[in-house]
Amino acid sequence: MKKLLFIIGIILFNSCTVSNAEEEIIVDPVSAEDRVVRMEFSTTQLSFDEIRISYFDFKTNSYPVVIHQFSYDSAGQPIPFILTIENYDFRYINGEAYRNNPNTEEISVKVYVNDELVIEEAERGEDGEYAEIRFNYDIVLKKNI
C-alpha cells in the first residue's frame, strides 16, 4: 500500500509542475501604420477586356465594386490594374475578381503585403462558366483561409 501511495504521489507531483516551454507567438514586425497592401489584376485577353473587382473595405464596412476596363500598351499587351491601400491596419484581406462573361482567356490576381507576394491565383472561364477568383488572407497567421 505504501508503494502505491508513493507512485500516486510522484504522478501527482509531476502533473502539477509548471512547464517552462514558451508558446510561439506570431508577431508582424511591421506596424499597421506602415503596412501597404497591393492587389494586381491581370488578363491574357489581347483585346478589350473588363474585370469586376470587389473587396471588403473595413473602414466603411462594405464591399465596393470596381469595374475596370483594361488598358493596352503599344504592343497590344494588357496593362495590369493595381489597387494599393496604404496604412492597412486590418488583419484580413478579403475579396474577389470575376469576368462577367464565359471568355476562356485567363484572369489573375496577385496580392502583396509590404511587397511580399502572399496570394497568386488565376482562373479561366470554361463551359459557359465565368472566371472567378476569391481570396481571403490572414496577415497575422500569414496564410490563406
N, C-alpha and C. Protein backbone atom coordinates (compact mmCIF):
# COMPACT_ATOMS: atom_id res chain seq x y z
N MET A 1 0.82 -1.18 0.00
CA MET A 1 0.00 0.00 0.00
C MET A 1 0.87 1.26 0.00
N LYS A 2 2.01 1.22 0.73
CA LYS A 2 2.91 2.36 0.77
C LYS A 2 3.50 2.62 -0.62
N LYS A 3 3.80 1.55 -1.35
CA LYS A 3 4.37 1.71 -2.69
C LYS A 3 3.35 2.36 -3.62
N LEU A 4 2.09 1.96 -3.50
CA LEU A 4 1.04 2.52 -4.33
C LEU A 4 0.87 4.01 -4.04
N LEU A 5 0.87 4.40 -2.77
CA LEU A 5 0.75 5.82 -2.41
C LEU A 5 1.97 6.60 -2.90
N PHE A 6 3.14 6.01 -2.85
CA PHE A 6 4.37 6.65 -3.30
C PHE A 6 4.28 6.92 -4.81
N ILE A 7 3.83 5.95 -5.59
CA ILE A 7 3.72 6.10 -7.05
C ILE A 7 2.66 7.15 -7.39
N ILE A 8 1.53 7.12 -6.71
CA ILE A 8 0.48 8.12 -6.96
C ILE A 8 0.99 9.51 -6.60
N GLY A 9 1.76 9.62 -5.51
CA GLY A 9 2.33 10.91 -5.11
C GLY A 9 3.28 11.45 -6.16
N ILE A 10 4.12 10.60 -6.75
CA ILE A 10 5.05 11.04 -7.79
C ILE A 10 4.29 11.50 -9.03
N ILE A 11 3.26 10.75 -9.39
CA ILE A 11 2.46 11.13 -10.56
C ILE A 11 1.79 12.47 -10.33
N LEU A 12 1.21 12.69 -9.15
CA LEU A 12 0.56 13.96 -8.84
C LEU A 12 1.57 15.10 -8.82
N PHE A 13 2.74 14.87 -8.26
CA PHE A 13 3.77 15.90 -8.19
C PHE A 13 4.20 16.31 -9.59
N ASN A 14 4.44 15.34 -10.47
CA ASN A 14 4.88 15.64 -11.84
C ASN A 14 3.78 16.31 -12.67
N SER A 15 2.55 15.96 -12.39
CA SER A 15 1.46 16.55 -13.18
C SER A 15 1.19 17.99 -12.76
N CYS A 16 1.62 18.39 -11.59
CA CYS A 16 1.36 19.75 -11.11
C CYS A 16 2.52 20.70 -11.37
N THR A 17 3.64 20.21 -11.88
CA THR A 17 4.77 21.10 -12.13
C THR A 17 4.50 21.96 -13.35
N VAL A 18 5.06 23.15 -13.35
CA VAL A 18 4.86 24.11 -14.44
C VAL A 18 5.88 23.83 -15.53
N SER A 19 5.41 23.85 -16.75
CA SER A 19 6.30 23.64 -17.89
C SER A 19 6.99 24.95 -18.23
N ASN A 20 8.24 24.88 -18.61
CA ASN A 20 9.00 26.06 -18.99
C ASN A 20 8.93 26.33 -20.48
N ALA A 21 8.19 25.53 -21.22
CA ALA A 21 8.09 25.72 -22.67
C ALA A 21 7.35 27.02 -22.96
N GLU A 22 7.92 27.81 -23.87
CA GLU A 22 7.30 29.07 -24.25
C GLU A 22 6.37 28.85 -25.43
N GLU A 23 5.26 29.57 -25.42
CA GLU A 23 4.34 29.49 -26.54
C GLU A 23 4.89 30.33 -27.68
N GLU A 24 4.72 29.83 -28.89
CA GLU A 24 5.17 30.57 -30.06
C GLU A 24 4.12 31.60 -30.41
N ILE A 25 4.52 32.85 -30.45
CA ILE A 25 3.62 33.94 -30.78
C ILE A 25 4.08 34.54 -32.09
N ILE A 26 3.14 34.65 -33.03
CA ILE A 26 3.46 35.23 -34.33
C ILE A 26 3.26 36.73 -34.22
N VAL A 27 4.30 37.47 -34.55
CA VAL A 27 4.25 38.92 -34.46
C VAL A 27 4.58 39.50 -35.83
N ASP A 28 3.75 40.43 -36.29
CA ASP A 28 4.02 41.13 -37.53
C ASP A 28 5.02 42.23 -37.22
N PRO A 29 6.24 42.15 -37.78
CA PRO A 29 7.26 43.14 -37.44
C PRO A 29 6.96 44.54 -37.98
N VAL A 30 6.04 44.65 -38.92
CA VAL A 30 5.70 45.94 -39.49
C VAL A 30 4.42 46.43 -38.82
N SER A 31 4.44 47.64 -38.34
CA SER A 31 3.24 48.18 -37.70
C SER A 31 2.17 48.43 -38.75
N ALA A 32 0.94 48.44 -38.31
CA ALA A 32 -0.19 48.61 -39.23
C ALA A 32 -0.13 49.95 -39.95
N GLU A 33 0.43 50.98 -39.30
CA GLU A 33 0.50 52.29 -39.94
C GLU A 33 1.42 52.27 -41.16
N ASP A 34 2.35 51.32 -41.21
CA ASP A 34 3.31 51.24 -42.31
C ASP A 34 2.97 50.13 -43.30
N ARG A 35 1.92 49.37 -43.06
CA ARG A 35 1.58 48.24 -43.92
C ARG A 35 0.93 48.71 -45.22
N VAL A 36 1.40 48.17 -46.33
CA VAL A 36 0.84 48.50 -47.64
C VAL A 36 0.36 47.21 -48.29
N VAL A 37 -0.89 47.21 -48.72
CA VAL A 37 -1.47 46.07 -49.43
C VAL A 37 -1.66 46.49 -50.89
N ARG A 38 -1.14 45.67 -51.78
CA ARG A 38 -1.27 45.94 -53.21
C ARG A 38 -1.91 44.75 -53.89
N MET A 39 -2.99 45.00 -54.62
CA MET A 39 -3.68 43.95 -55.38
C MET A 39 -3.47 44.24 -56.86
N GLU A 40 -2.97 43.25 -57.59
CA GLU A 40 -2.66 43.42 -59.00
C GLU A 40 -3.52 42.45 -59.81
N PHE A 41 -4.34 42.99 -60.70
CA PHE A 41 -5.27 42.19 -61.50
C PHE A 41 -4.82 42.22 -62.96
N SER A 42 -4.81 41.05 -63.62
CA SER A 42 -4.33 40.94 -64.99
C SER A 42 -5.28 40.10 -65.83
N THR A 43 -5.10 40.19 -67.14
CA THR A 43 -5.84 39.38 -68.10
C THR A 43 -4.89 38.91 -69.19
N THR A 44 -5.26 37.83 -69.87
CA THR A 44 -4.50 37.40 -71.04
C THR A 44 -5.25 37.73 -72.33
N GLN A 45 -6.41 38.36 -72.20
CA GLN A 45 -7.20 38.77 -73.36
C GLN A 45 -6.45 39.89 -74.08
N LEU A 46 -6.18 39.71 -75.38
CA LEU A 46 -5.38 40.69 -76.12
C LEU A 46 -6.19 41.81 -76.77
N SER A 47 -7.45 41.86 -76.49
CA SER A 47 -8.27 42.99 -76.94
C SER A 47 -9.16 43.39 -75.78
N PHE A 48 -10.13 44.20 -76.03
CA PHE A 48 -11.00 44.73 -74.98
C PHE A 48 -11.37 43.67 -73.94
N ASP A 49 -11.09 43.95 -72.68
CA ASP A 49 -11.48 43.05 -71.59
C ASP A 49 -11.85 43.89 -70.38
N GLU A 50 -12.75 43.36 -69.59
CA GLU A 50 -13.25 44.07 -68.41
C GLU A 50 -13.29 43.09 -67.25
N ILE A 51 -12.98 43.58 -66.06
CA ILE A 51 -13.00 42.75 -64.86
C ILE A 51 -13.77 43.49 -63.78
N ARG A 52 -14.48 42.74 -62.97
CA ARG A 52 -15.21 43.30 -61.83
C ARG A 52 -14.47 42.87 -60.56
N ILE A 53 -14.20 43.84 -59.72
CA ILE A 53 -13.42 43.58 -58.50
C ILE A 53 -14.23 44.04 -57.31
N SER A 54 -14.25 43.20 -56.29
CA SER A 54 -14.91 43.55 -55.04
C SER A 54 -14.00 43.11 -53.90
N TYR A 55 -13.83 43.95 -52.93
CA TYR A 55 -13.01 43.62 -51.77
C TYR A 55 -13.65 44.23 -50.54
N PHE A 56 -13.40 43.62 -49.38
CA PHE A 56 -14.00 44.12 -48.16
C PHE A 56 -13.21 45.32 -47.66
N ASP A 57 -13.88 46.45 -47.55
CA ASP A 57 -13.29 47.68 -47.04
C ASP A 57 -13.69 47.80 -45.57
N PHE A 58 -12.74 47.52 -44.68
CA PHE A 58 -13.04 47.53 -43.24
C PHE A 58 -13.38 48.92 -42.72
N LYS A 59 -12.88 49.94 -43.37
CA LYS A 59 -13.15 51.30 -42.90
C LYS A 59 -14.62 51.68 -43.09
N THR A 60 -15.20 51.23 -44.20
CA THR A 60 -16.60 51.57 -44.48
C THR A 60 -17.53 50.39 -44.22
N ASN A 61 -16.96 49.23 -43.86
CA ASN A 61 -17.73 48.01 -43.60
C ASN A 61 -18.61 47.65 -44.80
N SER A 62 -17.99 47.70 -45.99
CA SER A 62 -18.74 47.41 -47.21
C SER A 62 -17.84 46.72 -48.24
N TYR A 63 -18.46 46.24 -49.29
CA TYR A 63 -17.76 45.63 -50.42
C TYR A 63 -17.93 46.54 -51.64
N PRO A 64 -17.05 47.52 -51.84
CA PRO A 64 -17.20 48.35 -53.04
C PRO A 64 -16.90 47.51 -54.29
N VAL A 65 -17.60 47.81 -55.37
CA VAL A 65 -17.38 47.10 -56.63
C VAL A 65 -16.67 48.06 -57.58
N VAL A 66 -15.55 47.61 -58.12
CA VAL A 66 -14.79 48.38 -59.09
C VAL A 66 -14.88 47.64 -60.41
N ILE A 67 -15.36 48.31 -61.44
CA ILE A 67 -15.41 47.72 -62.77
C ILE A 67 -14.29 48.38 -63.56
N HIS A 68 -13.35 47.55 -64.02
CA HIS A 68 -12.16 48.08 -64.68
C HIS A 68 -12.05 47.54 -66.09
N GLN A 69 -11.91 48.44 -67.06
CA GLN A 69 -11.62 48.05 -68.42
C GLN A 69 -10.10 48.14 -68.59
N PHE A 70 -9.49 47.03 -68.96
CA PHE A 70 -8.04 47.00 -69.09
C PHE A 70 -7.57 47.92 -70.20
N SER A 71 -6.42 48.53 -69.96
CA SER A 71 -5.74 49.33 -70.97
C SER A 71 -4.67 48.44 -71.60
N TYR A 72 -4.22 48.84 -72.79
CA TYR A 72 -3.23 48.04 -73.51
C TYR A 72 -2.08 48.93 -73.93
N ASP A 73 -0.87 48.37 -73.91
CA ASP A 73 0.30 49.14 -74.32
C ASP A 73 0.37 49.18 -75.85
N SER A 74 1.41 49.83 -76.39
CA SER A 74 1.52 50.00 -77.84
C SER A 74 1.72 48.67 -78.57
N ALA A 75 2.17 47.62 -77.87
CA ALA A 75 2.34 46.30 -78.48
C ALA A 75 1.07 45.46 -78.36
N GLY A 76 0.02 46.01 -77.77
CA GLY A 76 -1.24 45.29 -77.63
C GLY A 76 -1.32 44.40 -76.40
N GLN A 77 -0.35 44.51 -75.51
CA GLN A 77 -0.35 43.70 -74.29
C GLN A 77 -1.15 44.40 -73.19
N PRO A 78 -1.96 43.65 -72.44
CA PRO A 78 -2.76 44.27 -71.37
C PRO A 78 -1.88 44.80 -70.24
N ILE A 79 -2.27 45.95 -69.71
CA ILE A 79 -1.56 46.56 -68.58
C ILE A 79 -2.30 46.15 -67.31
N PRO A 80 -1.60 45.55 -66.33
CA PRO A 80 -2.27 45.15 -65.08
C PRO A 80 -2.91 46.34 -64.37
N PHE A 81 -4.04 46.08 -63.71
CA PHE A 81 -4.71 47.08 -62.89
C PHE A 81 -4.23 46.89 -61.46
N ILE A 82 -3.72 47.95 -60.85
CA ILE A 82 -3.15 47.85 -59.50
C ILE A 82 -3.97 48.70 -58.54
N LEU A 83 -4.40 48.09 -57.46
CA LEU A 83 -5.14 48.76 -56.40
C LEU A 83 -4.25 48.74 -55.16
N THR A 84 -3.86 49.90 -54.64
CA THR A 84 -2.96 49.99 -53.49
C THR A 84 -3.68 50.62 -52.31
N ILE A 85 -3.53 49.99 -51.15
CA ILE A 85 -4.14 50.51 -49.92
C ILE A 85 -3.00 50.76 -48.92
N GLU A 86 -2.80 52.02 -48.58
CA GLU A 86 -1.75 52.41 -47.63
C GLU A 86 -2.28 52.27 -46.20
N ASN A 87 -1.38 52.12 -45.25
CA ASN A 87 -1.72 52.06 -43.82
C ASN A 87 -2.83 51.05 -43.53
N TYR A 88 -2.69 49.88 -44.07
CA TYR A 88 -3.71 48.83 -43.92
C TYR A 88 -3.61 48.23 -42.53
N ASP A 89 -4.50 48.61 -41.64
CA ASP A 89 -4.40 48.19 -40.24
C ASP A 89 -5.43 47.13 -39.86
N PHE A 90 -5.77 46.27 -40.81
CA PHE A 90 -6.72 45.19 -40.54
C PHE A 90 -6.04 43.85 -40.72
N ARG A 91 -6.59 42.83 -40.12
CA ARG A 91 -5.96 41.51 -40.11
C ARG A 91 -6.19 40.74 -41.40
N TYR A 92 -7.32 40.92 -42.05
CA TYR A 92 -7.69 40.09 -43.19
C TYR A 92 -7.75 40.90 -44.48
N ILE A 93 -7.42 40.22 -45.58
CA ILE A 93 -7.61 40.77 -46.92
C ILE A 93 -8.60 39.83 -47.59
N ASN A 94 -9.76 40.36 -47.96
CA ASN A 94 -10.84 39.52 -48.47
C ASN A 94 -11.43 40.16 -49.71
N GLY A 95 -11.60 39.37 -50.79
CA GLY A 95 -12.20 39.94 -51.98
C GLY A 95 -12.39 38.91 -53.08
N GLU A 96 -12.78 39.42 -54.25
CA GLU A 96 -12.96 38.56 -55.41
C GLU A 96 -12.79 39.38 -56.68
N ALA A 97 -12.49 38.66 -57.76
CA ALA A 97 -12.41 39.26 -59.09
C ALA A 97 -13.11 38.30 -60.04
N TYR A 98 -13.88 38.85 -60.97
CA TYR A 98 -14.51 37.97 -61.95
C TYR A 98 -14.77 38.71 -63.25
N ARG A 99 -14.85 37.92 -64.30
CA ARG A 99 -15.20 38.43 -65.62
C ARG A 99 -16.65 38.07 -65.85
N ASN A 100 -17.43 39.03 -66.29
CA ASN A 100 -18.87 38.83 -66.43
C ASN A 100 -19.24 38.24 -67.79
N ASN A 101 -18.46 37.27 -68.25
CA ASN A 101 -18.79 36.51 -69.46
C ASN A 101 -17.96 35.22 -69.44
N PRO A 102 -18.32 34.24 -70.23
CA PRO A 102 -17.61 32.95 -70.19
C PRO A 102 -16.36 32.89 -71.06
N ASN A 103 -15.69 33.99 -71.25
CA ASN A 103 -14.46 34.05 -72.05
C ASN A 103 -13.45 33.05 -71.50
N THR A 104 -12.74 32.36 -72.40
CA THR A 104 -11.78 31.33 -71.95
C THR A 104 -10.40 31.90 -71.66
N GLU A 105 -10.19 33.19 -71.87
CA GLU A 105 -8.90 33.79 -71.51
C GLU A 105 -8.79 33.89 -69.99
N GLU A 106 -7.57 33.92 -69.51
CA GLU A 106 -7.29 33.87 -68.08
C GLU A 106 -7.34 35.26 -67.44
N ILE A 107 -7.88 35.32 -66.22
CA ILE A 107 -7.72 36.49 -65.36
C ILE A 107 -6.89 36.03 -64.17
N SER A 108 -6.16 36.96 -63.57
CA SER A 108 -5.33 36.57 -62.43
C SER A 108 -5.27 37.71 -61.41
N VAL A 109 -4.95 37.33 -60.20
CA VAL A 109 -4.78 38.30 -59.13
C VAL A 109 -3.52 37.94 -58.34
N LYS A 110 -2.77 38.97 -58.00
CA LYS A 110 -1.62 38.83 -57.11
C LYS A 110 -1.83 39.83 -55.98
N VAL A 111 -1.66 39.37 -54.74
CA VAL A 111 -1.82 40.25 -53.59
C VAL A 111 -0.48 40.29 -52.86
N TYR A 112 -0.02 41.51 -52.61
CA TYR A 112 1.24 41.74 -51.93
C TYR A 112 0.97 42.45 -50.60
N VAL A 113 1.70 42.05 -49.57
CA VAL A 113 1.69 42.77 -48.30
C VAL A 113 3.13 43.22 -48.08
N ASN A 114 3.33 44.54 -48.09
CA ASN A 114 4.67 45.12 -47.98
C ASN A 114 5.63 44.50 -48.99
N ASP A 115 5.20 44.43 -50.23
CA ASP A 115 5.98 43.92 -51.36
C ASP A 115 6.29 42.43 -51.29
N GLU A 116 5.66 41.70 -50.40
CA GLU A 116 5.81 40.25 -50.33
C GLU A 116 4.56 39.61 -50.94
N LEU A 117 4.76 38.79 -51.97
CA LEU A 117 3.65 38.12 -52.64
C LEU A 117 3.03 37.10 -51.68
N VAL A 118 1.73 37.27 -51.37
CA VAL A 118 1.06 36.36 -50.43
C VAL A 118 -0.03 35.55 -51.10
N ILE A 119 -0.57 36.04 -52.22
CA ILE A 119 -1.61 35.32 -52.95
C ILE A 119 -1.32 35.46 -54.44
N GLU A 120 -1.41 34.34 -55.15
CA GLU A 120 -1.31 34.36 -56.60
C GLU A 120 -2.28 33.32 -57.14
N GLU A 121 -3.34 33.79 -57.79
CA GLU A 121 -4.39 32.91 -58.29
C GLU A 121 -4.73 33.29 -59.72
N ALA A 122 -5.14 32.31 -60.52
CA ALA A 122 -5.57 32.55 -61.89
C ALA A 122 -6.75 31.62 -62.18
N GLU A 123 -7.62 32.07 -63.10
CA GLU A 123 -8.81 31.28 -63.43
C GLU A 123 -9.24 31.60 -64.86
N ARG A 124 -9.84 30.62 -65.50
CA ARG A 124 -10.39 30.77 -66.85
C ARG A 124 -11.88 30.46 -66.84
N GLY A 125 -12.60 31.08 -67.76
CA GLY A 125 -13.99 30.72 -67.95
C GLY A 125 -14.04 29.48 -68.85
N GLU A 126 -14.78 28.47 -68.45
CA GLU A 126 -14.87 27.24 -69.23
C GLU A 126 -16.30 26.72 -69.23
N ASP A 127 -16.71 26.14 -70.35
CA ASP A 127 -18.03 25.51 -70.48
C ASP A 127 -19.16 26.43 -70.02
N GLY A 128 -19.10 27.69 -70.42
CA GLY A 128 -20.15 28.63 -70.08
C GLY A 128 -20.04 29.23 -68.68
N GLU A 129 -19.04 28.81 -67.90
CA GLU A 129 -18.86 29.37 -66.55
C GLU A 129 -17.95 30.59 -66.62
N TYR A 130 -18.21 31.55 -65.76
CA TYR A 130 -17.41 32.76 -65.70
C TYR A 130 -16.14 32.53 -64.88
N ALA A 131 -15.06 33.19 -65.28
CA ALA A 131 -13.82 33.13 -64.49
C ALA A 131 -14.03 33.92 -63.21
N GLU A 132 -13.74 33.28 -62.07
CA GLU A 132 -13.94 33.93 -60.78
C GLU A 132 -12.83 33.53 -59.82
N ILE A 133 -12.26 34.50 -59.15
CA ILE A 133 -11.21 34.25 -58.17
C ILE A 133 -11.65 34.87 -56.86
N ARG A 134 -11.66 34.07 -55.80
CA ARG A 134 -11.95 34.58 -54.45
C ARG A 134 -10.68 34.43 -53.61
N PHE A 135 -10.44 35.42 -52.77
CA PHE A 135 -9.27 35.35 -51.90
C PHE A 135 -9.61 35.84 -50.51
N ASN A 136 -8.97 35.22 -49.52
CA ASN A 136 -9.16 35.57 -48.12
C ASN A 136 -7.85 35.22 -47.42
N TYR A 137 -7.14 36.22 -46.94
CA TYR A 137 -5.81 36.02 -46.39
C TYR A 137 -5.72 36.60 -44.98
N ASP A 138 -5.11 35.85 -44.08
CA ASP A 138 -4.89 36.29 -42.71
C ASP A 138 -3.46 36.82 -42.59
N ILE A 139 -3.31 38.11 -42.40
CA ILE A 139 -1.98 38.74 -42.34
C ILE A 139 -1.20 38.27 -41.13
N VAL A 140 -1.86 38.10 -40.00
CA VAL A 140 -1.16 37.71 -38.77
C VAL A 140 -0.62 36.29 -38.87
N LEU A 141 -1.48 35.35 -39.31
CA LEU A 141 -1.06 33.95 -39.43
C LEU A 141 -0.30 33.68 -40.72
N LYS A 142 -0.32 34.63 -41.63
CA LYS A 142 0.36 34.52 -42.92
C LYS A 142 -0.08 33.28 -43.69
N LYS A 143 -1.42 33.15 -43.86
CA LYS A 143 -1.93 32.01 -44.61
C LYS A 143 -3.31 32.32 -45.19
N ASN A 144 -3.63 31.62 -46.28
CA ASN A 144 -4.96 31.71 -46.88
C ASN A 144 -5.96 31.01 -45.98
N ILE A 145 -7.13 31.58 -45.86
CA ILE A 145 -8.17 30.95 -45.05
C ILE A 145 -9.42 30.77 -45.87
